[in-house]
């Protein structure tokens, strides 16, 4: 099972769309001082793979886009699921491509999916399925 931080929940978000990263940054700012959570954002799949290979502490949740600049999100899920260190990491696949996103998410082992565009309320609802925020 993944390792939790002692003092706060950790959430990684991976998206090639800066507008979505801005929304997630707003989410982070809205919870500062209210909840024990930290959010790290990444732009490329390889950045997440590299970061996860170097860190001892895994996030409590990874939210990733289907379309990334360097690797498909569903391919990244399969890569992480194949590694002992990250195979139990909960992952939410998000996409603006609404056709078959649920099937793609299920096929690669994503825990759930989120259709873009989404509101902060919809995001919080999905996050709460995995971590206590």
N, C-alpha and C. Protein backbone atom coordinates (compact mmCIF):
# COMPACT_ATOMS: atom_id res chain seq x y z
N UNK A 1 0.85 -1.18 0.00
CA UNK A 1 0.00 0.00 0.00
C UNK A 1 0.89 1.24 0.00
N UNK A 2 0.36 2.35 -0.49
CA UNK A 2 1.15 3.57 -0.55
C UNK A 2 1.36 4.15 0.83
N UNK A 3 2.41 4.91 0.97
CA UNK A 3 2.80 5.47 2.26
C UNK A 3 2.22 6.87 2.40
N UNK A 4 1.59 7.15 3.53
CA UNK A 4 1.01 8.46 3.78
C UNK A 4 1.98 9.36 4.54
N UNK A 5 1.83 10.65 4.32
CA UNK A 5 2.58 11.62 5.10
C UNK A 5 2.02 11.67 6.51
N UNK A 6 2.85 12.02 7.46
CA UNK A 6 2.42 12.09 8.85
C UNK A 6 1.51 13.28 9.12
N UNK A 7 1.70 14.39 8.44
CA UNK A 7 1.00 15.62 8.81
C UNK A 7 0.01 16.12 7.77
N UNK A 8 0.11 15.68 6.53
CA UNK A 8 -0.81 16.18 5.52
C UNK A 8 -0.98 15.17 4.40
N UNK A 9 -2.06 15.35 3.67
CA UNK A 9 -2.32 14.52 2.50
C UNK A 9 -1.57 15.13 1.32
N UNK A 10 -1.14 14.28 0.40
CA UNK A 10 -0.40 14.75 -0.76
C UNK A 10 -1.16 14.36 -2.03
N UNK A 11 -1.32 15.32 -2.91
CA UNK A 11 -2.02 15.12 -4.16
C UNK A 11 -1.12 15.58 -5.29
N UNK A 12 -0.91 14.73 -6.31
CA UNK A 12 -0.17 15.12 -7.50
C UNK A 12 -1.18 15.30 -8.62
N UNK A 13 -0.98 16.33 -9.44
CA UNK A 13 -1.85 16.58 -10.57
C UNK A 13 -0.98 16.75 -11.81
N UNK A 14 -1.37 16.08 -12.86
CA UNK A 14 -0.63 16.08 -14.11
C UNK A 14 -1.56 16.48 -15.24
N UNK A 15 -1.29 17.62 -15.88
CA UNK A 15 -2.16 18.09 -16.96
C UNK A 15 -1.34 18.95 -17.90
N UNK A 16 -1.63 18.86 -19.20
CA UNK A 16 -0.94 19.69 -20.17
C UNK A 16 -1.66 21.03 -20.35
N UNK A 17 -2.84 21.18 -19.78
CA UNK A 17 -3.65 22.38 -19.91
C UNK A 17 -3.40 23.30 -18.72
N UNK A 18 -2.78 24.44 -18.97
CA UNK A 18 -2.45 25.33 -17.86
C UNK A 18 -3.70 25.89 -17.19
N UNK A 19 -4.82 25.99 -17.91
CA UNK A 19 -6.06 26.47 -17.29
C UNK A 19 -6.50 25.51 -16.18
N UNK A 20 -6.37 24.21 -16.43
CA UNK A 20 -6.72 23.23 -15.40
C UNK A 20 -5.74 23.29 -14.24
N UNK A 21 -4.47 23.48 -14.53
CA UNK A 21 -3.50 23.61 -13.45
C UNK A 21 -3.78 24.87 -12.63
N UNK A 22 -4.24 25.93 -13.30
CA UNK A 22 -4.62 27.15 -12.58
C UNK A 22 -5.81 26.89 -11.67
N UNK A 23 -6.80 26.11 -12.16
CA UNK A 23 -7.95 25.75 -11.33
C UNK A 23 -7.50 24.97 -10.11
N UNK A 24 -6.58 24.05 -10.32
CA UNK A 24 -6.09 23.25 -9.20
C UNK A 24 -5.26 24.09 -8.24
N UNK A 25 -4.57 25.08 -8.78
CA UNK A 25 -3.84 26.00 -7.91
C UNK A 25 -4.83 26.80 -7.06
N UNK A 26 -5.94 27.22 -7.67
CA UNK A 26 -6.99 27.93 -6.91
C UNK A 26 -7.56 27.02 -5.83
N UNK A 27 -7.73 25.74 -6.16
CA UNK A 27 -8.19 24.76 -5.17
C UNK A 27 -7.21 24.71 -4.01
N UNK A 28 -5.93 24.66 -4.33
CA UNK A 28 -4.91 24.60 -3.29
C UNK A 28 -4.98 25.85 -2.40
N UNK A 29 -5.11 27.02 -3.02
CA UNK A 29 -5.18 28.26 -2.24
C UNK A 29 -6.43 28.32 -1.38
N UNK A 30 -7.51 27.72 -1.87
CA UNK A 30 -8.77 27.77 -1.11
C UNK A 30 -8.73 26.90 0.13
N UNK A 31 -7.82 25.93 0.18
CA UNK A 31 -7.78 25.03 1.32
C UNK A 31 -6.63 25.31 2.27
N UNK A 32 -5.71 26.21 1.87
CA UNK A 32 -4.58 26.53 2.74
C UNK A 32 -5.10 27.06 4.07
N UNK A 33 -4.62 26.50 5.14
CA UNK A 33 -5.03 26.90 6.47
C UNK A 33 -6.29 26.22 6.95
N UNK A 34 -7.00 25.54 6.05
CA UNK A 34 -8.24 24.86 6.43
C UNK A 34 -8.06 23.34 6.48
N UNK A 35 -7.29 22.83 5.53
CA UNK A 35 -7.10 21.39 5.44
C UNK A 35 -5.62 21.07 5.36
N UNK A 36 -5.27 19.90 5.82
CA UNK A 36 -3.88 19.46 5.76
C UNK A 36 -3.66 18.72 4.45
N UNK A 37 -3.46 19.49 3.38
CA UNK A 37 -3.24 18.90 2.06
C UNK A 37 -2.22 19.73 1.31
N UNK A 38 -1.44 19.07 0.49
CA UNK A 38 -0.50 19.76 -0.38
C UNK A 38 -0.70 19.24 -1.79
N UNK A 39 -0.54 20.12 -2.77
CA UNK A 39 -0.76 19.77 -4.16
C UNK A 39 0.50 20.08 -4.95
N UNK A 40 1.02 19.09 -5.66
CA UNK A 40 2.13 19.30 -6.59
C UNK A 40 1.58 19.13 -8.00
N UNK A 41 1.94 20.02 -8.91
CA UNK A 41 1.47 19.91 -10.28
C UNK A 41 2.65 19.62 -11.21
N UNK A 42 2.35 18.87 -12.25
CA UNK A 42 3.34 18.49 -13.26
C UNK A 42 2.73 18.70 -14.64
N UNK A 43 3.58 18.94 -15.62
CA UNK A 43 3.13 19.17 -16.99
C UNK A 43 3.33 17.93 -17.87
N UNK A 44 4.33 17.13 -17.59
CA UNK A 44 4.66 15.97 -18.43
C UNK A 44 4.66 14.69 -17.62
N UNK A 45 4.30 13.60 -18.28
CA UNK A 45 4.28 12.29 -17.64
C UNK A 45 5.65 11.84 -17.17
N UNK A 46 6.67 12.10 -17.97
CA UNK A 46 8.03 11.70 -17.59
C UNK A 46 8.49 12.42 -16.33
N UNK A 47 8.02 13.65 -16.13
CA UNK A 47 8.38 14.38 -14.91
C UNK A 47 7.85 13.66 -13.67
N UNK A 48 6.63 13.13 -13.77
CA UNK A 48 6.04 12.40 -12.65
C UNK A 48 6.80 11.10 -12.41
N UNK A 49 7.11 10.38 -13.48
CA UNK A 49 7.87 9.12 -13.35
C UNK A 49 9.21 9.40 -12.67
N UNK A 50 9.92 10.43 -13.13
CA UNK A 50 11.22 10.78 -12.54
C UNK A 50 11.07 11.17 -11.07
N UNK A 51 10.08 12.00 -10.77
CA UNK A 51 9.89 12.45 -9.39
C UNK A 51 9.55 11.28 -8.48
N UNK A 52 8.65 10.42 -8.92
CA UNK A 52 8.25 9.28 -8.10
C UNK A 52 9.41 8.31 -7.88
N UNK A 53 10.31 8.21 -8.85
CA UNK A 53 11.44 7.31 -8.69
C UNK A 53 12.44 7.82 -7.66
N UNK A 54 12.43 9.13 -7.41
CA UNK A 54 13.39 9.73 -6.50
C UNK A 54 12.85 9.98 -5.09
N UNK A 55 11.55 9.99 -4.92
CA UNK A 55 10.97 10.33 -3.62
C UNK A 55 10.63 9.07 -2.82
N UNK A 56 10.74 9.18 -1.53
CA UNK A 56 10.34 8.08 -0.64
C UNK A 56 8.85 8.15 -0.35
N UNK A 57 8.33 9.37 -0.28
CA UNK A 57 6.93 9.59 0.07
C UNK A 57 6.08 9.64 -1.20
N UNK A 58 5.13 8.73 -1.30
CA UNK A 58 4.22 8.73 -2.44
C UNK A 58 3.02 9.61 -2.15
N UNK A 59 2.39 10.14 -3.21
CA UNK A 59 1.18 10.92 -2.98
C UNK A 59 0.04 10.02 -2.54
N UNK A 60 -0.96 10.61 -1.94
CA UNK A 60 -2.16 9.87 -1.57
C UNK A 60 -3.08 9.69 -2.77
N UNK A 61 -2.87 10.51 -3.81
CA UNK A 61 -3.71 10.45 -5.00
C UNK A 61 -2.98 11.11 -6.15
N UNK A 62 -3.14 10.54 -7.35
CA UNK A 62 -2.61 11.13 -8.58
C UNK A 62 -3.79 11.39 -9.51
N UNK A 63 -3.92 12.63 -9.96
CA UNK A 63 -4.93 13.00 -10.95
C UNK A 63 -4.18 13.33 -12.22
N UNK A 64 -4.51 12.65 -13.32
CA UNK A 64 -3.76 12.87 -14.54
C UNK A 64 -4.66 12.98 -15.75
N UNK A 65 -4.22 13.77 -16.70
CA UNK A 65 -4.94 14.00 -17.94
C UNK A 65 -4.70 12.84 -18.89
N UNK A 66 -5.67 12.58 -19.75
CA UNK A 66 -5.52 11.55 -20.76
C UNK A 66 -4.50 11.97 -21.82
N UNK A 67 -4.54 13.23 -22.21
CA UNK A 67 -3.65 13.74 -23.25
C UNK A 67 -2.55 14.58 -22.59
N UNK A 68 -1.32 14.11 -22.74
CA UNK A 68 -0.15 14.80 -22.20
C UNK A 68 0.84 15.06 -23.32
N UNK A 69 1.77 15.99 -23.15
CA UNK A 69 2.70 16.31 -24.24
C UNK A 69 3.64 15.17 -24.61
N UNK A 70 3.95 14.30 -23.68
CA UNK A 70 4.98 13.29 -23.95
C UNK A 70 4.49 11.85 -23.88
N UNK A 71 3.36 11.61 -23.25
CA UNK A 71 2.87 10.24 -23.08
C UNK A 71 1.37 10.31 -22.82
N UNK A 72 0.64 9.33 -23.30
CA UNK A 72 -0.80 9.28 -23.01
C UNK A 72 -1.00 8.96 -21.53
N UNK A 73 -2.00 9.58 -20.93
CA UNK A 73 -2.28 9.35 -19.52
C UNK A 73 -2.58 7.90 -19.21
N UNK A 74 -3.30 7.22 -20.12
CA UNK A 74 -3.60 5.81 -19.85
C UNK A 74 -2.35 4.94 -19.94
N UNK A 75 -1.39 5.34 -20.79
CA UNK A 75 -0.11 4.62 -20.83
C UNK A 75 0.68 4.84 -19.53
N UNK A 76 0.62 6.06 -19.02
CA UNK A 76 1.30 6.36 -17.76
C UNK A 76 0.73 5.54 -16.61
N UNK A 77 -0.59 5.38 -16.59
CA UNK A 77 -1.22 4.55 -15.56
C UNK A 77 -0.68 3.13 -15.63
N UNK A 78 -0.56 2.59 -16.83
CA UNK A 78 -0.05 1.22 -16.98
C UNK A 78 1.41 1.13 -16.53
N UNK A 79 2.21 2.14 -16.83
CA UNK A 79 3.61 2.15 -16.39
C UNK A 79 3.68 2.15 -14.86
N UNK A 80 2.89 3.01 -14.22
CA UNK A 80 2.91 3.09 -12.76
C UNK A 80 2.34 1.84 -12.11
N UNK A 81 1.31 1.26 -12.72
CA UNK A 81 0.74 0.02 -12.19
C UNK A 81 1.70 -1.16 -12.28
N UNK A 82 2.65 -1.10 -13.21
CA UNK A 82 3.60 -2.19 -13.39
C UNK A 82 4.77 -2.12 -12.39
N UNK A 83 4.89 -1.02 -11.67
CA UNK A 83 5.99 -0.86 -10.72
C UNK A 83 5.49 -1.15 -9.31
N UNK A 84 6.26 -1.94 -8.58
CA UNK A 84 5.87 -2.29 -7.21
C UNK A 84 5.63 -1.05 -6.35
N UNK A 85 6.48 -0.06 -6.50
CA UNK A 85 6.40 1.13 -5.66
C UNK A 85 5.09 1.89 -5.85
N UNK A 86 4.56 1.90 -7.07
CA UNK A 86 3.40 2.75 -7.37
C UNK A 86 2.15 1.98 -7.79
N UNK A 87 2.20 0.67 -7.73
CA UNK A 87 1.06 -0.11 -8.25
C UNK A 87 -0.23 0.08 -7.46
N UNK A 88 -0.15 0.50 -6.21
CA UNK A 88 -1.35 0.72 -5.40
C UNK A 88 -1.74 2.19 -5.28
N UNK A 89 -1.09 3.02 -6.05
CA UNK A 89 -1.36 4.45 -6.02
C UNK A 89 -2.73 4.75 -6.65
N UNK A 90 -3.66 5.35 -5.91
CA UNK A 90 -4.96 5.69 -6.50
C UNK A 90 -4.79 6.75 -7.59
N UNK A 91 -5.49 6.56 -8.72
CA UNK A 91 -5.36 7.47 -9.85
C UNK A 91 -6.72 7.81 -10.44
N UNK A 92 -6.88 9.09 -10.73
CA UNK A 92 -8.07 9.59 -11.41
C UNK A 92 -7.62 10.06 -12.79
N UNK A 93 -8.23 9.53 -13.83
CA UNK A 93 -7.95 9.94 -15.20
C UNK A 93 -8.96 11.02 -15.57
N UNK A 94 -8.47 12.16 -16.05
CA UNK A 94 -9.39 13.21 -16.49
C UNK A 94 -9.19 13.48 -17.97
N UNK A 95 -10.28 13.89 -18.62
CA UNK A 95 -10.20 14.13 -20.05
C UNK A 95 -11.34 15.01 -20.54
N UNK A 96 -11.04 15.82 -21.53
CA UNK A 96 -12.05 16.58 -22.23
C UNK A 96 -12.65 15.78 -23.37
N UNK A 97 -12.04 14.65 -23.67
CA UNK A 97 -12.57 13.74 -24.68
C UNK A 97 -13.57 12.85 -23.97
N UNK A 98 -14.84 13.13 -24.15
CA UNK A 98 -15.86 12.43 -23.37
C UNK A 98 -16.24 11.08 -23.96
N UNK A 99 -15.92 10.86 -25.22
CA UNK A 99 -16.26 9.58 -25.84
C UNK A 99 -15.32 8.50 -25.31
N UNK A 100 -15.88 7.53 -24.64
CA UNK A 100 -15.15 6.36 -24.14
C UNK A 100 -14.12 6.65 -23.06
N UNK A 101 -14.13 7.82 -22.44
CA UNK A 101 -13.15 8.07 -21.37
C UNK A 101 -13.37 7.10 -20.22
N UNK A 102 -14.63 6.77 -19.94
CA UNK A 102 -14.89 5.82 -18.86
C UNK A 102 -14.36 4.44 -19.21
N UNK A 103 -14.52 4.03 -20.46
CA UNK A 103 -13.99 2.72 -20.89
C UNK A 103 -12.47 2.70 -20.85
N UNK A 104 -11.84 3.78 -21.31
CA UNK A 104 -10.38 3.85 -21.29
C UNK A 104 -9.86 3.83 -19.86
N UNK A 105 -10.52 4.58 -18.99
CA UNK A 105 -10.10 4.62 -17.58
C UNK A 105 -10.21 3.23 -16.96
N UNK A 106 -11.30 2.56 -17.20
CA UNK A 106 -11.49 1.21 -16.65
C UNK A 106 -10.51 0.21 -17.25
N UNK A 107 -10.25 0.33 -18.54
CA UNK A 107 -9.38 -0.63 -19.23
C UNK A 107 -7.95 -0.60 -18.71
N UNK A 108 -7.47 0.57 -18.30
CA UNK A 108 -6.08 0.67 -17.85
C UNK A 108 -5.92 0.63 -16.35
N UNK A 109 -7.03 0.56 -15.63
CA UNK A 109 -6.93 0.42 -14.18
C UNK A 109 -7.00 1.71 -13.40
N UNK A 110 -7.45 2.80 -14.04
CA UNK A 110 -7.67 4.03 -13.27
C UNK A 110 -8.79 3.76 -12.27
N UNK A 111 -8.70 4.38 -11.12
CA UNK A 111 -9.71 4.15 -10.09
C UNK A 111 -11.04 4.81 -10.44
N UNK A 112 -10.98 5.93 -11.15
CA UNK A 112 -12.18 6.61 -11.63
C UNK A 112 -11.74 7.63 -12.67
N UNK A 113 -12.68 8.41 -13.17
CA UNK A 113 -12.36 9.43 -14.16
C UNK A 113 -13.14 10.70 -13.86
N UNK A 114 -12.68 11.78 -14.45
CA UNK A 114 -13.30 13.08 -14.29
C UNK A 114 -13.35 13.74 -15.66
N UNK A 115 -14.55 14.14 -16.09
CA UNK A 115 -14.71 14.78 -17.40
C UNK A 115 -14.45 16.27 -17.28
N UNK A 116 -13.64 16.78 -18.21
CA UNK A 116 -13.35 18.21 -18.27
C UNK A 116 -14.32 18.88 -19.23
N UNK A 117 -14.68 20.12 -19.01
CA UNK A 117 -14.29 20.95 -17.87
C UNK A 117 -15.04 20.53 -16.61
N UNK A 118 -14.43 20.80 -15.48
CA UNK A 118 -15.06 20.45 -14.21
C UNK A 118 -14.95 21.63 -13.25
N UNK A 119 -15.81 21.64 -12.27
CA UNK A 119 -15.81 22.70 -11.26
C UNK A 119 -14.96 22.25 -10.07
N UNK A 120 -14.63 23.19 -9.21
CA UNK A 120 -13.91 22.83 -8.00
C UNK A 120 -14.75 21.88 -7.16
N UNK A 121 -16.06 22.07 -7.13
CA UNK A 121 -16.94 21.17 -6.37
C UNK A 121 -16.86 19.74 -6.89
N UNK A 122 -16.88 19.59 -8.22
CA UNK A 122 -16.77 18.24 -8.81
C UNK A 122 -15.42 17.63 -8.49
N UNK A 123 -14.38 18.45 -8.54
CA UNK A 123 -13.03 17.98 -8.22
C UNK A 123 -12.95 17.52 -6.77
N UNK A 124 -13.46 18.33 -5.86
CA UNK A 124 -13.41 17.97 -4.44
C UNK A 124 -14.19 16.69 -4.19
N UNK A 125 -15.33 16.53 -4.85
CA UNK A 125 -16.13 15.31 -4.69
C UNK A 125 -15.33 14.08 -5.09
N UNK A 126 -14.62 14.16 -6.22
CA UNK A 126 -13.79 13.03 -6.66
C UNK A 126 -12.63 12.79 -5.70
N UNK A 127 -11.97 13.85 -5.27
CA UNK A 127 -10.84 13.71 -4.36
C UNK A 127 -11.28 13.06 -3.06
N UNK A 128 -12.46 13.44 -2.58
CA UNK A 128 -12.97 12.89 -1.32
C UNK A 128 -13.25 11.39 -1.40
N UNK A 129 -13.34 10.85 -2.58
CA UNK A 129 -13.49 9.40 -2.72
C UNK A 129 -12.22 8.68 -2.28
N UNK A 130 -11.10 9.41 -2.24
CA UNK A 130 -9.80 8.78 -1.96
C UNK A 130 -9.09 9.33 -0.73
N UNK A 131 -9.22 10.62 -0.48
CA UNK A 131 -8.57 11.20 0.69
C UNK A 131 -9.56 12.07 1.44
N UNK A 132 -9.32 12.25 2.71
CA UNK A 132 -10.23 12.97 3.59
C UNK A 132 -9.93 14.46 3.56
N UNK A 133 -10.62 15.17 2.66
CA UNK A 133 -10.47 16.64 2.57
C UNK A 133 -11.82 17.29 2.73
